[in-house]
Amino acid sequence: MMDTIVDTPPKKVWMIVADLIARDVRSGLFAPGMWLKQIDLENRYGYRRPEIRRALDHLTQKRMLQHVPNRGYHVFLPDSAQTDHILELRVILETAAVDSIVAAATPAAIERIDGLARRFDELVLHGTVLEQYEANLSFHRELLSLCSNPELLNLVAELRSRTSSALAGQWSTRARVEQSSREHRAMVEALAAGDAQRLKEIITLHIRQPKGK
């Protein structure tokens, strides 16, 4: 526990706090369903109430936390059956888009997607949890943007919003984050080879992410 207030310039302090909370959620220190008291977070991290509150609001937007009016914030507690159903819907939608994605994959598009995969790789080694999360979303948005049906991208985004984020759920261990990185690279390789079937297989594995790994 920190006893002093950290006088960090206010511009990005809340981002630092959000990443500290995200790491503690991912490590299991803050378990699913656990209520987070702002005074406890102030004491733990050594930051002031406004930065703590903004960090909590940000993590609520990212579906790591949930906010209950007049009660506070707690760690996202997903409905496992609902989550499984939503993931299966994503498998159906995202694999159905693959043929269209492969057909639209110009060298320039593949290079952009590869760059985003490499960016994620770098952040796995040196970035914050939140930076990894944003880079992961960017990779998948760019890949799905090649689909000829733009409504599919909107549907997938809506489905993502109904489950816990990778921060709280899928990336429960560093090994799982590293596996996601390898799967990104495998997707790029399949796309560059024009191998639609292989890309469908990798996307299916990537979405389902076996529990406990």
C-alpha atoms as a PDB file:
ATOM      1  CA  MET A   1       0.000   0.000   0.000  1.00  0.00           C
ATOM      2  CA  MET A   2       1.274   3.463  -0.885  1.00  0.00           C
ATOM      3  CA  ASP A   3       1.073   6.176   1.761  1.00  0.00           C
ATOM      4  CA  THR A   4       1.868   9.190  -0.429  1.00  0.00           C
ATOM      5  CA  ILE A   5      -0.001  10.920  -3.226  1.00  0.00           C
ATOM      6  CA  VAL A   6       1.817  10.706  -6.552  1.00  0.00           C
ATOM      7  CA  ASP A   7       2.118  14.129  -8.221  1.00  0.00           C
ATOM      8  CA  THR A   8       2.185  12.912 -11.808  1.00  0.00           C
ATOM      9  CA  PRO A   9       1.157  15.432 -14.494  1.00  0.00           C
ATOM     10  CA  PRO A  10      -2.644  15.129 -14.790  1.00  0.00           C
ATOM     11  CA  LYS A  11      -2.857  14.575 -18.554  1.00  0.00           C
ATOM     12  CA  LYS A  12      -2.395  10.796 -18.501  1.00  0.00           C
ATOM     13  CA  VAL A  13      -2.569   9.872 -14.844  1.00  0.00           C
ATOM     14  CA  TRP A  14      -5.952   8.153 -15.234  1.00  0.00           C
ATOM     15  CA  MET A  15      -4.484   5.926 -17.943  1.00  0.00           C
ATOM     16  CA  ILE A  16      -1.746   4.816 -15.554  1.00  0.00           C
ATOM     17  CA  VAL A  17      -4.351   4.063 -12.890  1.00  0.00           C
ATOM     18  CA  ALA A  18      -6.557   2.187 -15.380  1.00  0.00           C
ATOM     19  CA  ASP A  19      -3.660  -0.034 -16.365  1.00  0.00           C
ATOM     20  CA  LEU A  20      -2.814  -0.775 -12.721  1.00  0.00           C
ATOM     21  CA  ILE A  21      -6.415  -1.810 -12.045  1.00  0.00           C
ATOM     22  CA  ALA A  22      -6.503  -3.849 -15.279  1.00  0.00           C
ATOM     23  CA  ARG A  23      -3.370  -5.729 -14.269  1.00  0.00           C
ATOM     24  CA  ASP A  24      -4.830  -6.523 -10.851  1.00  0.00           C
ATOM     25  CA  VAL A  25      -8.034  -7.804 -12.446  1.00  0.00           C
ATOM     26  CA  ARG A  26      -6.117  -9.949 -14.919  1.00  0.00           C
ATOM     27  CA  SER A  27      -3.910 -11.337 -12.161  1.00  0.00           C
ATOM     28  CA  GLY A  28      -6.967 -12.401 -10.177  1.00  0.00           C
ATOM     29  CA  LEU A  29      -6.352 -10.021  -7.277  1.00  0.00           C
ATOM     30  CA  PHE A  30      -9.715  -8.436  -8.089  1.00  0.00           C
ATOM     31  CA  ALA A  31     -11.978 -11.393  -8.837  1.00  0.00           C
ATOM     32  CA  PRO A  32     -15.092 -11.376 -11.075  1.00  0.00           C
ATOM     33  CA  GLY A  33     -17.989  -9.788  -9.188  1.00  0.00           C
ATOM     34  CA  MET A  34     -15.743  -8.102  -6.604  1.00  0.00           C
ATOM     35  CA  TRP A  35     -16.766  -4.563  -5.621  1.00  0.00           C
ATOM     36  CA  LEU A  36     -14.028  -1.922  -5.843  1.00  0.00           C
ATOM     37  CA  LYS A  37     -14.081   0.860  -3.250  1.00  0.00           C
ATOM     38  CA  GLN A  38     -12.570   4.096  -4.479  1.00  0.00           C
ATOM     39  CA  ILE A  39     -10.957   4.875  -1.122  1.00  0.00           C
ATOM     40  CA  ASP A  40      -9.238   1.481  -1.166  1.00  0.00           C
ATOM     41  CA  LEU A  41      -7.955   2.116  -4.687  1.00  0.00           C
ATOM     42  CA  GLU A  42      -6.680   5.558  -3.649  1.00  0.00           C
ATOM     43  CA  ASN A  43      -4.715   3.965  -0.828  1.00  0.00           C
ATOM     44  CA  ARG A  44      -3.458   1.080  -2.934  1.00  0.00           C
ATOM     45  CA  TYR A  45      -2.204   3.075  -5.912  1.00  0.00           C
ATOM     46  CA  GLY A  46      -1.510   6.457  -4.340  1.00  0.00           C
ATOM     47  CA  TYR A  47      -3.608   8.515  -6.753  1.00  0.00           C
ATOM     48  CA  ARG A  48      -6.388  10.994  -6.108  1.00  0.00           C
ATOM     49  CA  ARG A  49     -10.136  10.441  -6.390  1.00  0.00           C
ATOM     50  CA  PRO A  50     -10.642  12.174  -9.801  1.00  0.00           C
ATOM     51  CA  GLU A  51      -8.001   9.991 -11.484  1.00  0.00           C
ATOM     52  CA  ILE A  52      -9.392   6.850  -9.829  1.00  0.00           C
ATOM     53  CA  ARG A  53     -12.926   7.714 -10.939  1.00  0.00           C
ATOM     54  CA  ARG A  54     -11.908   8.396 -14.538  1.00  0.00           C
ATOM     55  CA  ALA A  55      -9.958   5.132 -14.665  1.00  0.00           C
ATOM     56  CA  LEU A  56     -12.987   3.229 -13.348  1.00  0.00           C
ATOM     57  CA  ASP A  57     -15.252   4.868 -15.929  1.00  0.00           C
ATOM     58  CA  HIS A  58     -12.804   3.990 -18.699  1.00  0.00           C
ATOM     59  CA  LEU A  59     -12.598   0.343 -17.642  1.00  0.00           C
ATOM     60  CA  THR A  60     -16.390   0.256 -17.496  1.00  0.00           C
ATOM     61  CA  GLN A  61     -16.463   1.369 -21.141  1.00  0.00           C
ATOM     62  CA  LYS A  62     -14.037  -1.458 -21.923  1.00  0.00           C
ATOM     63  CA  ARG A  63     -16.322  -3.978 -20.178  1.00  0.00           C
ATOM     64  CA  MET A  64     -13.753  -4.930 -17.586  1.00  0.00           C
ATOM     65  CA  LEU A  65     -15.886  -3.351 -14.863  1.00  0.00           C
ATOM     66  CA  GLN A  66     -19.576  -2.673 -14.397  1.00  0.00           C
ATOM     67  CA  HIS A  67     -21.052   0.437 -12.772  1.00  0.00           C
ATOM     68  CA  VAL A  68     -24.196   0.202 -10.664  1.00  0.00           C
ATOM     69  CA  PRO A  69     -25.699   3.636  -9.919  1.00  0.00           C
ATOM     70  CA  ASN A  70     -25.663   4.535  -6.220  1.00  0.00           C
ATOM     71  CA  ARG A  71     -23.581   1.450  -5.443  1.00  0.00           C
ATOM     72  CA  GLY A  72     -20.295   1.705  -7.280  1.00  0.00           C
ATOM     73  CA  TYR A  73     -18.110  -0.448  -9.511  1.00  0.00           C
ATOM     74  CA  HIS A  74     -17.498  -4.164  -9.563  1.00  0.00           C
ATOM     75  CA  VAL A  75     -15.409  -6.467 -11.757  1.00  0.00           C
ATOM     76  CA  PHE A  76     -17.379  -7.726 -14.745  1.00  0.00           C
ATOM     77  CA  LEU A  77     -19.100 -11.023 -13.960  1.00  0.00           C
ATOM     78  CA  PRO A  78     -20.038 -12.665 -17.268  1.00  0.00           C
ATOM     79  CA  ASP A  79     -22.882 -15.099 -17.747  1.00  0.00           C
ATOM     80  CA  SER A  80     -20.924 -18.124 -18.974  1.00  0.00           C
ATOM     81  CA  ALA A  81     -23.770 -19.652 -20.992  1.00  0.00           C
ATOM     82  CA  GLN A  82     -24.580 -16.347 -22.665  1.00  0.00           C
ATOM     83  CA  THR A  83     -20.905 -15.762 -23.404  1.00  0.00           C
ATOM     84  CA  ASP A  84     -20.582 -19.184 -25.049  1.00  0.00           C
ATOM     85  CA  HIS A  85     -23.610 -18.490 -27.240  1.00  0.00           C
ATOM     86  CA  ILE A  86     -22.268 -15.100 -28.298  1.00  0.00           C
ATOM     87  CA  LEU A  87     -18.857 -16.547 -29.124  1.00  0.00           C
ATOM     88  CA  GLU A  88     -20.503 -19.156 -31.338  1.00  0.00           C
ATOM     89  CA  LEU A  89     -22.395 -16.400 -33.144  1.00  0.00           C
ATOM     90  CA  ARG A  90     -19.092 -14.614 -33.712  1.00  0.00           C
ATOM     91  CA  VAL A  91     -17.572 -17.789 -35.131  1.00  0.00           C
ATOM     92  CA  ILE A  92     -20.477 -18.089 -37.581  1.00  0.00           C
ATOM     93  CA  LEU A  93     -20.297 -14.440 -38.671  1.00  0.00           C
ATOM     94  CA  GLU A  94     -16.537 -14.013 -38.847  1.00  0.00           C
ATOM     95  CA  THR A  95     -15.848 -17.262 -40.674  1.00  0.00           C
ATOM     96  CA  ALA A  96     -18.683 -16.489 -43.105  1.00  0.00           C
ATOM     97  CA  ALA A  97     -16.850 -13.272 -43.961  1.00  0.00           C
ATOM     98  CA  VAL A  98     -13.545 -14.983 -44.741  1.00  0.00           C
ATOM     99  CA  ASP A  99     -14.115 -15.667 -48.448  1.00  0.00           C
ATOM    100  CA  SER A 100     -14.942 -12.005 -48.979  1.00  0.00           C
ATOM    101  CA  ILE A 101     -11.938 -10.927 -46.894  1.00  0.00           C
ATOM    102  CA  VAL A 102      -9.531 -13.112 -48.860  1.00  0.00           C
ATOM    103  CA  ALA A 103     -10.935 -11.844 -52.162  1.00  0.00           C
ATOM    104  CA  ALA A 104     -10.382  -8.232 -51.085  1.00  0.00           C
ATOM    105  CA  ALA A 105      -6.905  -8.771 -49.613  1.00  0.00           C
ATOM    106  CA  THR A 106      -4.634  -6.619 -51.748  1.00  0.00           C
ATOM    107  CA  PRO A 107      -0.901  -6.501 -50.937  1.00  0.00           C
ATOM    108  CA  ALA A 108      -1.424  -3.073 -49.376  1.00  0.00           C
ATOM    109  CA  ALA A 109      -4.247  -4.373 -47.175  1.00  0.00           C
ATOM    110  CA  ILE A 110      -2.176  -7.367 -46.066  1.00  0.00           C
ATOM    111  CA  GLU A 111       0.703  -5.060 -45.229  1.00  0.00           C
ATOM    112  CA  ARG A 112      -1.571  -2.899 -43.048  1.00  0.00           C
ATOM    113  CA  ILE A 113      -2.915  -5.929 -41.198  1.00  0.00           C
ATOM    114  CA  ASP A 114       0.579  -7.359 -40.781  1.00  0.00           C
ATOM    115  CA  GLY A 115       1.713  -4.028 -39.340  1.00  0.00           C
ATOM    116  CA  LEU A 116      -1.072  -4.160 -36.758  1.00  0.00           C
ATOM    117  CA  ALA A 117      -0.134  -7.740 -35.865  1.00  0.00           C
ATOM    118  CA  ARG A 118       3.479  -6.666 -35.366  1.00  0.00           C
ATOM    119  CA  ARG A 119       2.328  -3.711 -33.284  1.00  0.00           C
ATOM    120  CA  PHE A 120       0.458  -6.117 -31.001  1.00  0.00           C
ATOM    121  CA  ASP A 121       3.596  -8.285 -30.759  1.00  0.00           C
ATOM    122  CA  GLU A 122       5.609  -5.270 -29.597  1.00  0.00           C
ATOM    123  CA  LEU A 123       3.027  -4.341 -26.991  1.00  0.00           C
ATOM    124  CA  VAL A 124       2.921  -7.879 -25.599  1.00  0.00           C
ATOM    125  CA  LEU A 125       6.585  -7.347 -24.716  1.00  0.00           C
ATOM    126  CA  HIS A 126       6.661  -3.684 -23.783  1.00  0.00           C
ATOM    127  CA  GLY A 127       3.145  -2.249 -23.656  1.00  0.00           C
ATOM    128  CA  THR A 128       0.485  -1.821 -21.029  1.00  0.00           C
ATOM    129  CA  VAL A 129      -2.561  -4.068 -20.770  1.00  0.00           C
ATOM    130  CA  LEU A 130      -4.776  -1.320 -22.170  1.00  0.00           C
ATOM    131  CA  GLU A 131      -2.426  -0.712 -25.096  1.00  0.00           C
ATOM    132  CA  GLN A 132      -2.521  -4.426 -25.902  1.00  0.00           C
ATOM    133  CA  TYR A 133      -6.316  -4.346 -25.766  1.00  0.00           C
ATOM    134  CA  GLU A 134      -6.579  -1.408 -28.179  1.00  0.00           C
ATOM    135  CA  ALA A 135      -4.029  -2.942 -30.559  1.00  0.00           C
ATOM    136  CA  ASN A 136      -5.959  -6.211 -30.569  1.00  0.00           C
ATOM    137  CA  LEU A 137      -9.186  -4.424 -31.493  1.00  0.00           C
ATOM    138  CA  SER A 138      -7.405  -2.488 -34.247  1.00  0.00           C
ATOM    139  CA  PHE A 139      -6.078  -5.711 -35.775  1.00  0.00           C
ATOM    140  CA  HIS A 140      -9.492  -7.348 -35.858  1.00  0.00           C
ATOM    141  CA  ARG A 141     -11.282  -4.244 -37.131  1.00  0.00           C
ATOM    142  CA  GLU A 142      -8.820  -3.933 -40.003  1.00  0.00           C
ATOM    143  CA  LEU A 143      -9.169  -7.607 -40.907  1.00  0.00           C
ATOM    144  CA  LEU A 144     -12.975  -7.531 -40.856  1.00  0.00           C
ATOM    145  CA  SER A 145     -13.070  -4.224 -42.731  1.00  0.00           C
ATOM    146  CA  LEU A 146     -12.097  -6.154 -45.881  1.00  0.00           C
ATOM    147  CA  CYS A 147     -15.476  -7.898 -45.829  1.00  0.00           C
ATOM    148  CA  SER A 148     -17.804  -6.674 -48.572  1.00  0.00           C
ATOM    149  CA  ASN A 149     -20.700  -6.402 -46.091  1.00  0.00           C
ATOM    150  CA  PRO A 150     -20.045  -3.467 -43.712  1.00  0.00           C
ATOM    151  CA  GLU A 151     -22.969  -4.464 -41.505  1.00  0.00           C
ATOM    152  CA  LEU A 152     -21.039  -7.542 -40.438  1.00  0.00           C
ATOM    153  CA  LEU A 153     -18.437  -5.358 -38.753  1.00  0.00           C
ATOM    154  CA  ASN A 154     -21.216  -3.558 -36.862  1.00  0.00           C
ATOM    155  CA  LEU A 155     -22.775  -6.859 -35.767  1.00  0.00           C
ATOM    156  CA  VAL A 156     -19.465  -8.219 -34.484  1.00  0.00           C
ATOM    157  CA  ALA A 157     -18.798  -4.982 -32.580  1.00  0.00           C
ATOM    158  CA  GLU A 158     -22.251  -5.210 -30.986  1.00  0.00           C
ATOM    159  CA  LEU A 159     -21.683  -8.844 -30.012  1.00  0.00           C
ATOM    160  CA  ARG A 160     -18.323  -7.948 -28.466  1.00  0.00           C
ATOM    161  CA  SER A 161     -20.079  -5.332 -26.334  1.00  0.00           C
ATOM    162  CA  ARG A 162     -22.272  -8.029 -24.771  1.00  0.00           C
ATOM    163  CA  THR A 163     -19.401 -10.047 -23.310  1.00  0.00           C
ATOM    164  CA  SER A 164     -16.489  -9.218 -21.069  1.00  0.00           C
ATOM    165  CA  SER A 165     -13.476  -7.782 -22.821  1.00  0.00           C
ATOM    166  CA  ALA A 166     -10.268  -9.694 -23.426  1.00  0.00           C
ATOM    167  CA  LEU A 167      -8.846  -7.702 -20.526  1.00  0.00           C
ATOM    168  CA  ALA A 168     -11.101  -9.307 -17.960  1.00  0.00           C
ATOM    169  CA  GLY A 169     -11.963 -12.613 -19.539  1.00  0.00           C
ATOM    170  CA  GLN A 170     -10.027 -14.151 -22.407  1.00  0.00           C
ATOM    171  CA  TRP A 171      -6.570 -12.868 -21.469  1.00  0.00           C
ATOM    172  CA  SER A 172      -6.473 -14.466 -18.042  1.00  0.00           C
ATOM    173  CA  THR A 173      -2.763 -15.287 -18.351  1.00  0.00           C
ATOM    174  CA  ARG A 174       0.244 -13.906 -20.161  1.00  0.00           C
ATOM    175  CA  ALA A 175       0.515 -17.216 -22.005  1.00  0.00           C
ATOM    176  CA  ARG A 176      -2.942 -16.599 -23.469  1.00  0.00           C
ATOM    177  CA  VAL A 177      -1.916 -13.119 -24.650  1.00  0.00           C
ATOM    178  CA  GLU A 178       1.176 -14.584 -26.304  1.00  0.00           C
ATOM    179  CA  GLN A 179      -0.971 -17.261 -27.943  1.00  0.00           C
ATOM    180  CA  SER A 180      -3.249 -14.541 -29.319  1.00  0.00           C
ATOM    181  CA  SER A 181      -0.167 -12.920 -30.821  1.00  0.00           C
ATOM    182  CA  ARG A 182       0.822 -16.151 -32.569  1.00  0.00           C
ATOM    183  CA  GLU A 183      -2.718 -16.583 -33.873  1.00  0.00           C
ATOM    184  CA  HIS A 184      -2.681 -13.061 -35.304  1.00  0.00           C
ATOM    185  CA  ARG A 185       0.480 -13.884 -37.234  1.00  0.00           C
ATOM    186  CA  ALA A 186      -1.032 -17.153 -38.442  1.00  0.00           C
ATOM    187  CA  MET A 187      -4.071 -15.243 -39.721  1.00  0.00           C
ATOM    188  CA  VAL A 188      -1.836 -12.895 -41.678  1.00  0.00           C
ATOM    189  CA  GLU A 189       0.076 -15.820 -43.175  1.00  0.00           C
ATOM    190  CA  ALA A 190      -3.145 -17.564 -44.243  1.00  0.00           C
ATOM    191  CA  LEU A 191      -4.486 -14.328 -45.698  1.00  0.00           C
ATOM    192  CA  ALA A 192      -1.284 -13.702 -47.653  1.00  0.00           C
ATOM    193  CA  ALA A 193      -1.433 -17.261 -49.001  1.00  0.00           C
ATOM    194  CA  GLY A 194      -5.072 -16.845 -50.002  1.00  0.00           C
ATOM    195  CA  ASP A 195      -5.918 -19.884 -47.857  1.00  0.00           C
ATOM    196  CA  ALA A 196      -9.523 -19.212 -46.824  1.00  0.00           C
ATOM    197  CA  GLN A 197     -10.024 -22.571 -45.129  1.00  0.00           C
ATOM    198  CA  ARG A 198      -6.941 -22.145 -42.960  1.00  0.00           C
ATOM    199  CA  LEU A 199      -8.001 -18.610 -42.031  1.00  0.00           C
ATOM    200  CA  LYS A 200     -11.437 -19.887 -40.973  1.00  0.00           C
ATOM    201  CA  GLU A 201      -9.817 -22.516 -38.758  1.00  0.00           C
ATOM    202  CA  ILE A 202      -7.541 -20.005 -37.039  1.00  0.00           C
ATOM    203  CA  ILE A 203     -10.348 -17.483 -36.489  1.00  0.00           C
ATOM    204  CA  THR A 204     -12.525 -20.209 -34.961  1.00  0.00           C
ATOM    205  CA  LEU A 205      -9.762 -21.247 -32.558  1.00  0.00           C
ATOM    206  CA  HIS A 206      -8.961 -17.622 -31.766  1.00  0.00           C
ATOM    207  CA  ILE A 207     -12.550 -16.758 -30.838  1.00  0.00           C
ATOM    208  CA  ARG A 208     -13.265 -19.894 -28.832  1.00  0.00           C
ATOM    209  CA  GLN A 209      -9.989 -19.745 -26.886  1.00  0.00           C
ATOM    210  CA  PRO A 210     -10.064 -22.987 -24.840  1.00  0.00           C
ATOM    211  CA  LYS A 211     -10.726 -22.345 -21.175  1.00  0.00           C
ATOM    212  CA  GLY A 212      -7.775 -22.597 -18.871  1.00  0.00           C
ATOM    213  CA  LYS A 213      -5.245 -21.675 -21.582  1.00  0.00           C
END
